[in-house]
């Protein structure tokens, strides 16, 4: 999660909302990472999680990422939560809840819904205060 926080800070320096994500395999090896980049890439899907998923899939040579864990500083949105299900990520660990757009706990429960064909194991609040603080400070400076 600390590496995800560093990625979030790097995104903030580029003017992006500071969210970072990393994916590790069962052995703990980093196989994907990302920070928000929709502004930089002119791509509304360029969320930290999506970028990390694309890297991990390319590294593994498969869109199925079974046995992997995604660490993210912010609760994934509905788009990203759906991508976690589609990629078969085994576990999600996130720091801060997204009370406005959260797709995992705050607004929707997509990643572990009984209605879908895959369920992601979820842990939340890991380094929560640090993950929340970077976002609060970012938006405080913007307003």
C-alpha atoms as a PDB file:
ATOM      1  CA  UNK A   1       0.000   0.000   0.000  1.00  0.00           C
ATOM      2  CA  UNK A   2       2.913   2.322   0.629  1.00  0.00           C
ATOM      3  CA  UNK A   3       4.001   1.905  -2.987  1.00  0.00           C
ATOM      4  CA  UNK A   4       0.446   2.713  -4.100  1.00  0.00           C
ATOM      5  CA  UNK A   5       0.609   5.908  -2.007  1.00  0.00           C
ATOM      6  CA  UNK A   6       3.846   6.898  -3.768  1.00  0.00           C
ATOM      7  CA  UNK A   7       2.150   6.353  -7.117  1.00  0.00           C
ATOM      8  CA  UNK A   8      -0.778   8.513  -5.963  1.00  0.00           C
ATOM      9  CA  UNK A   9       1.651  11.295  -5.048  1.00  0.00           C
ATOM     10  CA  UNK A  10       3.295  11.025  -8.473  1.00  0.00           C
ATOM     11  CA  UNK A  11      -0.112  11.347 -10.117  1.00  0.00           C
ATOM     12  CA  UNK A  12      -0.866  14.418  -8.043  1.00  0.00           C
ATOM     13  CA  UNK A  13       2.328  16.058  -9.314  1.00  0.00           C
ATOM     14  CA  UNK A  14       0.975  15.567 -12.844  1.00  0.00           C
ATOM     15  CA  UNK A  15      -2.322  17.251 -11.873  1.00  0.00           C
ATOM     16  CA  UNK A  16      -4.319  14.035 -11.604  1.00  0.00           C
ATOM     17  CA  UNK A  17      -6.548  13.004  -8.710  1.00  0.00           C
ATOM     18  CA  UNK A  18      -4.056  11.221  -6.419  1.00  0.00           C
ATOM     19  CA  UNK A  19      -4.977   7.554  -6.599  1.00  0.00           C
ATOM     20  CA  UNK A  20      -2.433   4.762  -6.877  1.00  0.00           C
ATOM     21  CA  UNK A  21      -2.780   1.022  -7.404  1.00  0.00           C
ATOM     22  CA  UNK A  22      -0.455  -1.977  -7.471  1.00  0.00           C
ATOM     23  CA  UNK A  23      -1.041  -5.640  -8.245  1.00  0.00           C
ATOM     24  CA  UNK A  24       1.046  -8.420  -6.763  1.00  0.00           C
ATOM     25  CA  UNK A  25       1.010 -12.119  -7.556  1.00  0.00           C
ATOM     26  CA  UNK A  26       0.714 -14.919  -4.994  1.00  0.00           C
ATOM     27  CA  UNK A  27       4.465 -14.748  -4.332  1.00  0.00           C
ATOM     28  CA  UNK A  28       4.245 -11.015  -3.595  1.00  0.00           C
ATOM     29  CA  UNK A  29       5.955  -9.941  -6.831  1.00  0.00           C
ATOM     30  CA  UNK A  30       4.793  -6.630  -8.302  1.00  0.00           C
ATOM     31  CA  UNK A  31       3.181  -7.348 -11.680  1.00  0.00           C
ATOM     32  CA  UNK A  32       1.276  -4.116 -12.335  1.00  0.00           C
ATOM     33  CA  UNK A  33       1.055  -0.548 -11.107  1.00  0.00           C
ATOM     34  CA  UNK A  34      -0.689   2.657 -11.999  1.00  0.00           C
ATOM     35  CA  UNK A  35      -1.775   6.092 -10.968  1.00  0.00           C
ATOM     36  CA  UNK A  36      -4.721   8.054 -12.292  1.00  0.00           C
ATOM     37  CA  UNK A  37      -4.052   9.429 -15.784  1.00  0.00           C
ATOM     38  CA  UNK A  38      -7.351  10.324 -17.515  1.00  0.00           C
ATOM     39  CA  UNK A  39      -6.252  13.949 -18.048  1.00  0.00           C
ATOM     40  CA  UNK A  40      -2.761  13.085 -19.249  1.00  0.00           C
ATOM     41  CA  UNK A  41      -3.970  10.313 -21.575  1.00  0.00           C
ATOM     42  CA  UNK A  42      -7.301  11.882 -22.597  1.00  0.00           C
ATOM     43  CA  UNK A  43      -8.846   8.585 -21.580  1.00  0.00           C
ATOM     44  CA  UNK A  44     -11.787   8.398 -19.158  1.00  0.00           C
ATOM     45  CA  UNK A  45     -10.890   4.772 -18.380  1.00  0.00           C
ATOM     46  CA  UNK A  46      -7.307   5.578 -17.323  1.00  0.00           C
ATOM     47  CA  UNK A  47      -7.914   5.029 -13.629  1.00  0.00           C
ATOM     48  CA  UNK A  48      -5.044   3.715 -11.504  1.00  0.00           C
ATOM     49  CA  UNK A  49      -6.674   0.291 -11.194  1.00  0.00           C
ATOM     50  CA  UNK A  50      -7.268  -0.091 -14.937  1.00  0.00           C
ATOM     51  CA  UNK A  51      -3.683   0.847 -15.751  1.00  0.00           C
ATOM     52  CA  UNK A  52      -2.409  -1.666 -13.176  1.00  0.00           C
ATOM     53  CA  UNK A  53      -4.754  -4.371 -14.520  1.00  0.00           C
ATOM     54  CA  UNK A  54      -3.513  -3.806 -18.078  1.00  0.00           C
ATOM     55  CA  UNK A  55       0.133  -4.080 -16.990  1.00  0.00           C
ATOM     56  CA  UNK A  56      -0.498  -7.215 -14.939  1.00  0.00           C
ATOM     57  CA  UNK A  57      -2.414  -8.899 -17.766  1.00  0.00           C
ATOM     58  CA  UNK A  58       0.370  -8.067 -20.220  1.00  0.00           C
ATOM     59  CA  UNK A  59       3.027  -9.387 -17.846  1.00  0.00           C
ATOM     60  CA  UNK A  60       1.133 -12.636 -17.234  1.00  0.00           C
ATOM     61  CA  UNK A  61      -0.017 -12.972 -20.830  1.00  0.00           C
ATOM     62  CA  UNK A  62      -3.590 -13.509 -19.684  1.00  0.00           C
ATOM     63  CA  UNK A  63      -6.619 -11.398 -18.867  1.00  0.00           C
ATOM     64  CA  UNK A  64      -7.349 -13.710 -15.932  1.00  0.00           C
ATOM     65  CA  UNK A  65      -5.460 -12.550 -12.878  1.00  0.00           C
ATOM     66  CA  UNK A  66      -6.451 -15.313 -10.466  1.00  0.00           C
ATOM     67  CA  UNK A  67      -4.325 -15.510  -7.332  1.00  0.00           C
ATOM     68  CA  UNK A  68      -3.409 -11.813  -7.440  1.00  0.00           C
ATOM     69  CA  UNK A  69      -4.087  -8.943  -5.051  1.00  0.00           C
ATOM     70  CA  UNK A  70      -4.779  -5.331  -6.015  1.00  0.00           C
ATOM     71  CA  UNK A  71      -3.827  -2.658  -3.480  1.00  0.00           C
ATOM     72  CA  UNK A  72      -5.474   0.708  -4.105  1.00  0.00           C
ATOM     73  CA  UNK A  73      -5.428   3.935  -2.129  1.00  0.00           C
ATOM     74  CA  UNK A  74      -9.105   4.625  -2.861  1.00  0.00           C
ATOM     75  CA  UNK A  75     -12.158   2.387  -3.069  1.00  0.00           C
ATOM     76  CA  UNK A  76     -12.634   1.485  -6.741  1.00  0.00           C
ATOM     77  CA  UNK A  77     -15.437   3.102  -8.733  1.00  0.00           C
ATOM     78  CA  UNK A  78     -18.123   0.943 -10.395  1.00  0.00           C
ATOM     79  CA  UNK A  79     -16.110   0.707 -13.644  1.00  0.00           C
ATOM     80  CA  UNK A  80     -12.997  -0.487 -11.840  1.00  0.00           C
ATOM     81  CA  UNK A  81     -14.944  -2.825  -9.554  1.00  0.00           C
ATOM     82  CA  UNK A  82     -16.436  -4.461 -12.637  1.00  0.00           C
ATOM     83  CA  UNK A  83     -12.969  -4.787 -14.152  1.00  0.00           C
ATOM     84  CA  UNK A  84     -11.771  -6.542 -10.989  1.00  0.00           C
ATOM     85  CA  UNK A  85     -14.560  -9.100 -11.354  1.00  0.00           C
ATOM     86  CA  UNK A  86     -13.891  -9.569 -15.083  1.00  0.00           C
ATOM     87  CA  UNK A  87     -10.162 -10.056 -14.494  1.00  0.00           C
ATOM     88  CA  UNK A  88     -10.773 -12.564 -11.682  1.00  0.00           C
ATOM     89  CA  UNK A  89      -8.592 -10.656  -9.207  1.00  0.00           C
ATOM     90  CA  UNK A  90      -8.628 -12.730  -6.025  1.00  0.00           C
ATOM     91  CA  UNK A  91      -8.270  -9.973  -3.461  1.00  0.00           C
ATOM     92  CA  UNK A  92      -8.730  -6.207  -3.182  1.00  0.00           C
ATOM     93  CA  UNK A  93      -7.147  -4.130  -0.433  1.00  0.00           C
ATOM     94  CA  UNK A  94      -8.038  -0.442  -0.355  1.00  0.00           C
ATOM     95  CA  UNK A  95      -7.285   2.448   1.956  1.00  0.00           C
ATOM     96  CA  UNK A  96     -10.011   5.094   1.822  1.00  0.00           C
ATOM     97  CA  UNK A  97     -13.697   4.786   1.044  1.00  0.00           C
ATOM     98  CA  UNK A  98     -15.101   6.835  -1.836  1.00  0.00           C
ATOM     99  CA  UNK A  99     -18.367   8.054  -0.352  1.00  0.00           C
ATOM    100  CA  UNK A 100     -19.536   9.602  -3.640  1.00  0.00           C
ATOM    101  CA  UNK A 101     -18.638   6.973  -6.253  1.00  0.00           C
ATOM    102  CA  UNK A 102     -17.497   3.844  -4.398  1.00  0.00           C
ATOM    103  CA  UNK A 103     -18.279   0.664  -6.281  1.00  0.00           C
ATOM    104  CA  UNK A 104     -17.171  -1.803  -3.628  1.00  0.00           C
ATOM    105  CA  UNK A 105     -18.673  -0.678  -0.313  1.00  0.00           C
ATOM    106  CA  UNK A 106     -19.867   2.942  -0.206  1.00  0.00           C
ATOM    107  CA  UNK A 107     -22.471   3.062  -3.011  1.00  0.00           C
ATOM    108  CA  UNK A 108     -22.419  -0.391  -4.617  1.00  0.00           C
ATOM    109  CA  UNK A 109     -21.115  -3.830  -3.705  1.00  0.00           C
ATOM    110  CA  UNK A 110     -20.035  -4.942  -7.180  1.00  0.00           C
ATOM    111  CA  UNK A 111     -16.778  -6.765  -6.447  1.00  0.00           C
ATOM    112  CA  UNK A 112     -18.290  -9.351  -4.118  1.00  0.00           C
ATOM    113  CA  UNK A 113     -21.885  -9.423  -5.337  1.00  0.00           C
ATOM    114  CA  UNK A 114     -23.645 -12.784  -5.235  1.00  0.00           C
ATOM    115  CA  UNK A 115     -25.218 -11.854  -8.573  1.00  0.00           C
ATOM    116  CA  UNK A 116     -21.927 -12.116 -10.483  1.00  0.00           C
ATOM    117  CA  UNK A 117     -19.810 -15.097 -11.525  1.00  0.00           C
ATOM    118  CA  UNK A 118     -16.746 -14.087  -9.483  1.00  0.00           C
ATOM    119  CA  UNK A 119     -16.359 -12.666  -6.003  1.00  0.00           C
ATOM    120  CA  UNK A 120     -13.364 -10.656  -4.861  1.00  0.00           C
ATOM    121  CA  UNK A 121     -12.163 -10.920  -1.259  1.00  0.00           C
ATOM    122  CA  UNK A 122     -12.111  -7.374   0.157  1.00  0.00           C
ATOM    123  CA  UNK A 123     -10.102  -5.713   2.939  1.00  0.00           C
ATOM    124  CA  UNK A 124     -10.460  -2.010   3.613  1.00  0.00           C
ATOM    125  CA  UNK A 125      -8.940   0.723   5.734  1.00  0.00           C
ATOM    126  CA  UNK A 126      -5.298  -0.280   5.218  1.00  0.00           C
ATOM    127  CA  UNK A 127      -3.331   2.968   5.708  1.00  0.00           C
ATOM    128  CA  UNK A 128      -6.750   4.620   5.554  1.00  0.00           C
ATOM    129  CA  UNK A 129      -5.773   7.901   7.242  1.00  0.00           C
ATOM    130  CA  UNK A 130      -2.818   8.415   4.881  1.00  0.00           C
ATOM    131  CA  UNK A 131      -4.898   7.517   1.830  1.00  0.00           C
ATOM    132  CA  UNK A 132      -7.667   9.894   2.913  1.00  0.00           C
ATOM    133  CA  UNK A 133      -5.294  12.729   3.755  1.00  0.00           C
ATOM    134  CA  UNK A 134      -3.691  12.901   0.309  1.00  0.00           C
ATOM    135  CA  UNK A 135      -7.136  13.204  -1.296  1.00  0.00           C
ATOM    136  CA  UNK A 136      -8.439  15.761   1.203  1.00  0.00           C
ATOM    137  CA  UNK A 137      -5.363  17.949   0.711  1.00  0.00           C
ATOM    138  CA  UNK A 138      -5.579  17.646  -3.081  1.00  0.00           C
ATOM    139  CA  UNK A 139      -9.196  18.798  -3.203  1.00  0.00           C
ATOM    140  CA  UNK A 140      -8.608  21.474  -0.569  1.00  0.00           C
ATOM    141  CA  UNK A 141      -5.994  23.062  -2.858  1.00  0.00           C
ATOM    142  CA  UNK A 142      -8.356  22.790  -5.846  1.00  0.00           C
ATOM    143  CA  UNK A 143     -11.245  24.623  -4.183  1.00  0.00           C
END
